[in-house]
């Protein structure tokens, strides 16, 4: 009976070693996937910052152009009393 018990324990140990190997492989795979996702996320965050900066710059340019147009229209309106306004 002790021989039977010993064989059963050896089988259990072998099974646990197999499970440990599978878990280690899975852990490596999950760790690699996490690394890839973090790298992708970092790249995308950088792209978002670039786009936000570009948007800010475009907004500034748009504001300047809008102010220039408004100033030109004011000048044109004030000059519409018969005088010629040159561009």
N, C-alpha and C. Protein backbone atom coordinates (compact mmCIF):
# COMPACT_ATOMS: atom_id res chain seq x y z
N UNK A 1 0.83 -1.20 0.00
CA UNK A 1 0.00 0.00 0.00
C UNK A 1 0.88 1.27 0.00
N UNK A 2 1.97 1.24 0.73
CA UNK A 2 2.86 2.40 0.76
C UNK A 2 3.50 2.60 -0.63
N UNK A 3 3.72 1.50 -1.34
CA UNK A 3 4.26 1.60 -2.71
C UNK A 3 3.24 2.31 -3.61
N UNK A 4 1.99 1.95 -3.45
CA UNK A 4 0.93 2.57 -4.23
C UNK A 4 0.82 4.06 -3.91
N UNK A 5 0.92 4.36 -2.65
CA UNK A 5 0.86 5.76 -2.19
C UNK A 5 2.04 6.55 -2.77
N UNK A 6 3.22 5.96 -2.78
CA UNK A 6 4.41 6.59 -3.31
C UNK A 6 4.25 6.90 -4.80
N UNK A 7 3.71 5.94 -5.56
CA UNK A 7 3.48 6.16 -6.99
C UNK A 7 2.47 7.29 -7.23
N UNK A 8 1.45 7.31 -6.40
CA UNK A 8 0.44 8.36 -6.53
C UNK A 8 1.06 9.74 -6.25
N UNK A 9 1.88 9.80 -5.24
CA UNK A 9 2.54 11.07 -4.91
C UNK A 9 3.50 11.49 -6.02
N UNK A 10 4.21 10.54 -6.60
CA UNK A 10 5.12 10.85 -7.70
C UNK A 10 4.36 11.37 -8.92
N UNK A 11 3.21 10.76 -9.19
CA UNK A 11 2.36 11.25 -10.29
C UNK A 11 1.89 12.68 -10.01
N UNK A 12 1.49 12.92 -8.77
CA UNK A 12 1.04 14.26 -8.39
C UNK A 12 2.16 15.29 -8.56
N UNK A 13 3.36 14.91 -8.15
CA UNK A 13 4.51 15.81 -8.28
C UNK A 13 4.78 16.08 -9.76
N UNK A 14 4.74 15.05 -10.59
CA UNK A 14 4.97 15.21 -12.02
C UNK A 14 3.91 16.13 -12.64
N UNK A 15 2.66 15.92 -12.25
CA UNK A 15 1.56 16.75 -12.75
C UNK A 15 1.76 18.21 -12.32
N UNK A 16 2.16 18.41 -11.09
CA UNK A 16 2.40 19.78 -10.59
C UNK A 16 3.55 20.44 -11.34
N UNK A 17 4.58 19.68 -11.69
CA UNK A 17 5.70 20.24 -12.46
C UNK A 17 5.23 20.67 -13.85
N UNK A 18 4.38 19.83 -14.46
CA UNK A 18 3.84 20.19 -15.77
C UNK A 18 3.01 21.47 -15.67
N UNK A 19 2.18 21.54 -14.64
CA UNK A 19 1.35 22.73 -14.46
C UNK A 19 2.22 23.97 -14.21
N UNK A 20 3.28 23.78 -13.43
CA UNK A 20 4.19 24.89 -13.17
C UNK A 20 4.84 25.37 -14.47
N UNK A 21 5.25 24.45 -15.31
CA UNK A 21 5.83 24.81 -16.60
C UNK A 21 4.85 25.58 -17.46
N UNK A 22 3.59 25.10 -17.49
CA UNK A 22 2.56 25.79 -18.27
C UNK A 22 2.32 27.20 -17.74
N UNK A 23 2.26 27.30 -16.42
CA UNK A 23 2.03 28.61 -15.81
C UNK A 23 3.20 29.57 -16.07
N UNK A 24 4.41 29.06 -16.05
CA UNK A 24 5.57 29.90 -16.34
C UNK A 24 5.55 30.39 -17.79
N UNK A 25 5.19 29.49 -18.71
CA UNK A 25 5.07 29.89 -20.12
C UNK A 25 4.00 30.97 -20.28
N UNK A 26 2.87 30.73 -19.63
CA UNK A 26 1.77 31.69 -19.74
C UNK A 26 2.18 33.05 -19.14
N UNK A 27 2.89 32.99 -18.04
CA UNK A 27 3.36 34.23 -17.41
C UNK A 27 4.30 34.99 -18.35
N UNK A 28 5.20 34.28 -19.01
CA UNK A 28 6.10 34.93 -19.97
C UNK A 28 5.31 35.57 -21.11
N UNK A 29 4.33 34.82 -21.63
CA UNK A 29 3.51 35.34 -22.73
C UNK A 29 2.73 36.59 -22.29
N UNK A 30 2.12 36.52 -21.11
CA UNK A 30 1.34 37.65 -20.60
C UNK A 30 2.25 38.86 -20.34
N UNK A 31 3.44 38.61 -19.83
CA UNK A 31 4.39 39.69 -19.57
C UNK A 31 4.81 40.35 -20.88
N UNK A 32 5.06 39.54 -21.90
CA UNK A 32 5.45 40.07 -23.21
C UNK A 32 4.30 40.88 -23.83
N UNK A 33 3.09 40.35 -23.70
CA UNK A 33 1.93 41.07 -24.23
C UNK A 33 1.74 42.40 -23.49
N UNK A 34 1.93 42.38 -22.18
CA UNK A 34 1.82 43.62 -21.40
C UNK A 34 2.86 44.63 -21.87
N UNK A 35 4.09 44.17 -22.11
CA UNK A 35 5.15 45.07 -22.57
C UNK A 35 4.78 45.69 -23.92
N UNK A 36 4.26 44.86 -24.83
CA UNK A 36 3.86 45.36 -26.15
C UNK A 36 2.74 46.39 -26.04
N UNK A 37 1.74 46.08 -25.19
CA UNK A 37 0.61 47.00 -25.04
C UNK A 37 1.05 48.32 -24.41
N UNK A 38 1.96 48.25 -23.45
CA UNK A 38 2.45 49.48 -22.82
C UNK A 38 3.24 50.32 -23.82
N UNK A 39 4.01 49.67 -24.68
CA UNK A 39 4.77 50.39 -25.70
C UNK A 39 3.81 51.06 -26.68
N UNK A 40 2.77 50.34 -27.08
CA UNK A 40 1.77 50.88 -28.00
C UNK A 40 1.04 52.06 -27.36
N UNK A 41 0.69 51.90 -26.09
CA UNK A 41 -0.01 52.96 -25.38
C UNK A 41 0.88 54.21 -25.28
N UNK A 42 2.15 54.01 -25.01
CA UNK A 42 3.08 55.13 -24.91
C UNK A 42 3.19 55.86 -26.25
N UNK A 43 3.27 55.07 -27.34
CA UNK A 43 3.33 55.65 -28.67
C UNK A 43 2.08 56.49 -28.97
N UNK A 44 0.93 55.95 -28.60
CA UNK A 44 -0.32 56.65 -28.87
C UNK A 44 -0.46 57.90 -28.02
N UNK A 45 0.00 57.84 -26.77
CA UNK A 45 -0.04 59.02 -25.92
C UNK A 45 0.84 60.12 -26.51
N UNK A 46 1.99 59.73 -27.02
CA UNK A 46 2.89 60.69 -27.66
C UNK A 46 2.20 61.32 -28.88
N UNK A 47 1.53 60.51 -29.65
CA UNK A 47 0.81 61.00 -30.84
C UNK A 47 -0.30 61.97 -30.43
N UNK A 48 -1.02 61.64 -29.36
CA UNK A 48 -2.08 62.52 -28.87
C UNK A 48 -1.49 63.87 -28.48
N UNK A 49 -0.36 63.86 -27.79
CA UNK A 49 0.28 65.12 -27.40
C UNK A 49 0.70 65.92 -28.63
N UNK A 50 1.24 65.24 -29.63
CA UNK A 50 1.61 65.93 -30.87
C UNK A 50 0.39 66.58 -31.52
N UNK A 51 -0.71 65.83 -31.57
CA UNK A 51 -1.93 66.36 -32.19
C UNK A 51 -2.51 67.52 -31.38
N UNK A 52 -2.44 67.43 -30.07
CA UNK A 52 -2.94 68.52 -29.23
C UNK A 52 -2.12 69.78 -29.46
N UNK A 53 -0.80 69.62 -29.57
CA UNK A 53 0.07 70.76 -29.83
C UNK A 53 -0.23 71.39 -31.20
N UNK A 54 -0.40 70.52 -32.19
CA UNK A 54 -0.73 71.01 -33.53
C UNK A 54 -2.07 71.75 -33.52
N UNK A 55 -3.04 71.21 -32.79
CA UNK A 55 -4.36 71.84 -32.69
C UNK A 55 -4.23 73.22 -32.03
N UNK A 56 -3.44 73.30 -30.96
CA UNK A 56 -3.22 74.59 -30.29
C UNK A 56 -2.62 75.60 -31.25
N UNK A 57 -1.62 75.18 -32.01
CA UNK A 57 -0.97 76.08 -32.96
C UNK A 57 -1.97 76.55 -34.02
N UNK A 58 -2.79 75.64 -34.51
CA UNK A 58 -3.78 76.00 -35.52
C UNK A 58 -4.82 76.97 -34.94
N UNK A 59 -5.19 76.76 -33.67
CA UNK A 59 -6.14 77.66 -33.03
C UNK A 59 -5.55 79.06 -32.91
N UNK A 60 -4.26 79.15 -32.57
CA UNK A 60 -3.61 80.46 -32.47
C UNK A 60 -3.58 81.16 -33.81
N UNK A 61 -3.22 80.39 -34.85
CA UNK A 61 -3.19 80.96 -36.21
C UNK A 61 -4.59 81.42 -36.62
N UNK A 62 -5.59 80.59 -36.34
CA UNK A 62 -6.97 80.94 -36.68
C UNK A 62 -7.40 82.21 -35.95
N UNK A 63 -7.03 82.34 -34.69
CA UNK A 63 -7.39 83.54 -33.93
C UNK A 63 -6.74 84.78 -34.54
N UNK A 64 -5.46 84.67 -34.89
CA UNK A 64 -4.75 85.79 -35.50
C UNK A 64 -5.40 86.18 -36.82
N UNK A 65 -5.69 85.17 -37.66
CA UNK A 65 -6.31 85.45 -38.96
C UNK A 65 -7.69 86.09 -38.79
N UNK A 66 -8.44 85.60 -37.81
CA UNK A 66 -9.78 86.16 -37.55
C UNK A 66 -9.67 87.62 -37.12
N UNK A 67 -8.69 87.90 -36.27
CA UNK A 67 -8.47 89.27 -35.83
C UNK A 67 -8.04 90.16 -37.00
N UNK A 68 -7.20 89.62 -37.89
CA UNK A 68 -6.77 90.38 -39.07
C UNK A 68 -7.96 90.71 -39.97
N UNK A 69 -8.83 89.72 -40.16
CA UNK A 69 -10.02 89.94 -41.00
C UNK A 69 -10.92 90.99 -40.37
N UNK A 70 -11.13 90.87 -39.05
CA UNK A 70 -12.00 91.83 -38.36
C UNK A 70 -11.40 93.24 -38.46
N UNK A 71 -10.09 93.36 -38.29
CA UNK A 71 -9.44 94.67 -38.39
C UNK A 71 -9.58 95.22 -39.80
N UNK A 72 -9.40 94.38 -40.81
CA UNK A 72 -9.54 94.81 -42.20
C UNK A 72 -10.97 95.29 -42.48
N UNK A 73 -11.95 94.53 -41.97
CA UNK A 73 -13.35 94.91 -42.20
C UNK A 73 -13.68 96.24 -41.51
N UNK A 74 -13.14 96.42 -40.31
CA UNK A 74 -13.38 97.69 -39.61
C UNK A 74 -12.76 98.85 -40.40
N UNK A 75 -11.54 98.62 -40.88
CA UNK A 75 -10.84 99.64 -41.65
C UNK A 75 -11.60 99.94 -42.94
N UNK A 76 -12.09 98.90 -43.59
CA UNK A 76 -12.83 99.08 -44.85
C UNK A 76 -14.13 99.84 -44.60
N UNK A 77 -14.81 99.48 -43.50
CA UNK A 77 -16.07 100.17 -43.18
C UNK A 77 -15.81 101.65 -42.87
N UNK A 78 -14.76 101.90 -42.12
CA UNK A 78 -14.48 103.29 -41.78
C UNK A 78 -13.99 104.07 -42.99
N UNK A 79 -13.46 103.34 -43.96
CA UNK A 79 -12.97 104.00 -45.18
C UNK A 79 -14.02 104.08 -46.26
N UNK A 80 -15.22 103.62 -46.00
CA UNK A 80 -16.24 103.60 -47.04
C UNK A 80 -16.98 104.94 -47.16
N UNK A 81 -16.40 105.96 -46.57
CA UNK A 81 -17.03 107.28 -46.68
C UNK A 81 -16.60 108.01 -47.95
N UNK A 82 -16.17 107.24 -48.94
CA UNK A 82 -15.83 107.85 -50.22
C UNK A 82 -14.36 107.74 -50.54
N UNK A 83 -13.55 107.48 -49.55
CA UNK A 83 -12.11 107.36 -49.83
C UNK A 83 -11.80 105.95 -50.32
N UNK A 84 -10.68 105.81 -51.01
CA UNK A 84 -10.29 104.52 -51.56
C UNK A 84 -9.36 103.84 -50.57
N UNK A 85 -9.65 102.60 -50.27
CA UNK A 85 -8.80 101.83 -49.36
C UNK A 85 -8.00 100.85 -50.20
N UNK A 86 -6.69 100.91 -50.08
CA UNK A 86 -5.89 99.98 -50.86
C UNK A 86 -5.55 98.76 -50.01
N UNK A 87 -5.38 97.68 -50.69
CA UNK A 87 -5.06 96.44 -49.98
C UNK A 87 -3.58 96.35 -49.80
